[in-house]
Amino acid sequence: MIKVSEIAKKKVIELMNDDGYNPVTDYVRVGVKSGGCSGLSYDLKFDKQQAEGDKVFEDNGVRIIVDKKSFLYLVGTTLEYSGGLNGTGFVFNNPNANRTCGCGESFSL
């Protein structure tokens, strides 16, 4: 399960509408890929379709899809949004990460 904070929900809906996606029927695709200064990095994009093997969640009114491989790394993660002095953007609060980089965009287990 992936959770979505209230602030992240508002930003997701705003961005989906701006990009021509429907927050009621379309998805936020969350994934993990190799790369970044800590070994793995997060991938976040909008998608209109789910693929075979995707895990589907809904939290706080946001529909999320995660591929099977990424799901193992993301169980229990909360998607948050930061608009503070340290930068603006989505932040992954991942309880599975042993180490994260300073920018918060990559992690290791």
Protein backbone atom coordinates (compact mmCIF):
# COMPACT_ATOMS: atom_id res chain seq x y z
CA MET A 1 0.00 0.00 0.00
CA ILE A 2 1.18 3.48 -0.85
CA LYS A 3 -0.32 6.42 1.00
CA VAL A 4 -0.80 9.98 -0.25
CA SER A 5 -0.68 13.00 2.05
CA GLU A 6 -3.34 15.70 1.76
CA ILE A 7 -0.87 18.23 0.33
CA ALA A 8 0.40 15.70 -2.24
CA LYS A 9 -3.20 14.89 -3.22
CA LYS A 10 -3.94 18.54 -3.99
CA LYS A 11 -0.76 18.89 -6.07
CA VAL A 12 -1.37 15.61 -7.95
CA ILE A 13 -4.90 16.69 -8.88
CA GLU A 14 -3.67 20.11 -9.99
CA LEU A 15 -0.87 18.65 -12.14
CA MET A 16 -3.06 15.93 -13.63
CA ASN A 17 -5.64 18.51 -14.69
CA ASP A 18 -2.89 20.75 -16.14
CA ASP A 19 -1.47 17.81 -18.16
CA GLY A 20 -4.84 16.66 -19.53
CA TYR A 21 -5.33 13.69 -17.20
CA ASN A 22 -8.50 12.97 -15.25
CA PRO A 23 -7.77 12.42 -11.53
CA VAL A 24 -10.96 10.34 -11.21
CA THR A 25 -10.17 7.81 -13.96
CA ASP A 26 -6.39 8.08 -14.58
CA TYR A 27 -3.45 7.00 -12.42
CA VAL A 28 -0.26 8.15 -10.82
CA ARG A 29 2.39 5.58 -11.75
CA VAL A 30 5.04 5.22 -9.05
CA GLY A 31 8.14 3.15 -9.69
CA VAL A 32 11.75 2.50 -8.84
CA LYS A 33 14.64 2.40 -11.30
CA SER A 34 18.38 1.93 -11.08
CA GLY A 35 20.32 5.15 -10.75
CA GLY A 36 20.82 8.12 -8.53
CA CYS A 37 23.63 8.68 -6.07
CA SER A 38 22.30 6.03 -3.65
CA GLY A 39 21.67 3.27 -6.21
CA LEU A 40 17.90 3.44 -6.77
CA SER A 41 15.73 6.38 -7.75
CA TYR A 42 12.01 7.06 -7.70
CA ASP A 43 9.97 7.45 -10.86
CA LEU A 44 6.66 9.30 -10.85
CA LYS A 45 4.42 9.97 -13.86
CA PHE A 46 0.79 9.96 -14.93
CA ASP A 47 -0.76 7.08 -16.85
CA LYS A 48 -4.14 6.32 -18.39
CA GLN A 49 -3.78 2.52 -18.34
CA GLN A 50 -2.54 -0.18 -16.06
CA ALA A 51 -0.31 -2.95 -17.38
CA GLU A 52 -0.50 -6.64 -16.63
CA GLY A 53 0.93 -7.35 -13.20
CA ASP A 54 0.50 -3.79 -11.89
CA LYS A 55 -0.65 -3.33 -8.31
CA VAL A 56 -3.48 -0.80 -8.02
CA PHE A 57 -4.18 1.31 -4.93
CA GLU A 58 -6.35 4.24 -4.04
CA ASP A 59 -5.55 6.48 -1.12
CA ASN A 60 -6.96 9.88 -0.27
CA GLY A 61 -8.77 9.97 -3.63
CA VAL A 62 -5.61 9.35 -5.69
CA ARG A 63 -5.40 6.26 -7.91
CA ILE A 64 -1.89 4.75 -7.88
CA ILE A 65 -0.36 1.97 -9.96
CA VAL A 66 2.96 0.29 -9.25
CA ASP A 67 4.70 -2.40 -11.28
CA LYS A 68 5.36 -5.69 -9.50
CA LYS A 69 9.12 -5.17 -9.17
CA SER A 70 8.87 -1.63 -7.78
CA PHE A 71 6.16 -2.63 -5.33
CA LEU A 72 8.67 -4.62 -3.27
CA TYR A 73 10.70 -1.45 -2.68
CA LEU A 74 7.72 0.83 -2.05
CA VAL A 75 5.50 -1.05 0.42
CA GLY A 76 4.48 1.36 3.18
CA THR A 77 5.71 4.48 1.38
CA THR A 78 3.90 7.80 1.74
CA LEU A 79 3.91 10.26 -1.14
CA GLU A 80 4.24 13.78 0.19
CA TYR A 81 4.76 17.20 -1.36
CA SER A 82 7.19 19.81 -0.14
CA GLY A 83 6.92 23.44 -1.07
CA GLY A 84 9.45 24.77 1.41
CA LEU A 85 12.80 26.50 1.31
CA ASN A 86 14.68 23.25 0.68
CA GLY A 87 13.00 22.85 -2.69
CA THR A 88 9.66 22.14 -4.22
CA GLY A 89 8.47 18.73 -5.34
CA PHE A 90 7.19 15.32 -4.42
CA VAL A 91 8.92 13.52 -1.58
CA PHE A 92 8.84 9.79 -0.90
CA ASN A 93 8.76 8.84 2.77
CA ASN A 94 9.95 5.24 2.38
CA PRO A 95 10.32 3.15 5.57
CA ASN A 96 12.26 0.51 3.58
CA ALA A 97 15.12 2.85 2.64
CA ASN A 98 18.26 2.40 4.74
CA ARG A 99 20.01 5.37 3.16
CA THR A 100 18.83 8.32 1.09
CA CYS A 101 20.79 10.98 -0.75
CA GLY A 102 20.71 14.64 0.17
CA CYS A 103 18.27 15.53 -2.61
CA GLY A 104 15.81 12.81 -1.51
CA GLU A 105 15.42 11.46 -5.03
CA SER A 106 17.39 8.25 -4.57
CA PHE A 107 17.80 5.60 -1.90
CA SER A 108 19.30 2.21 -1.08
CA LEU A 109 18.04 -0.74 0.90
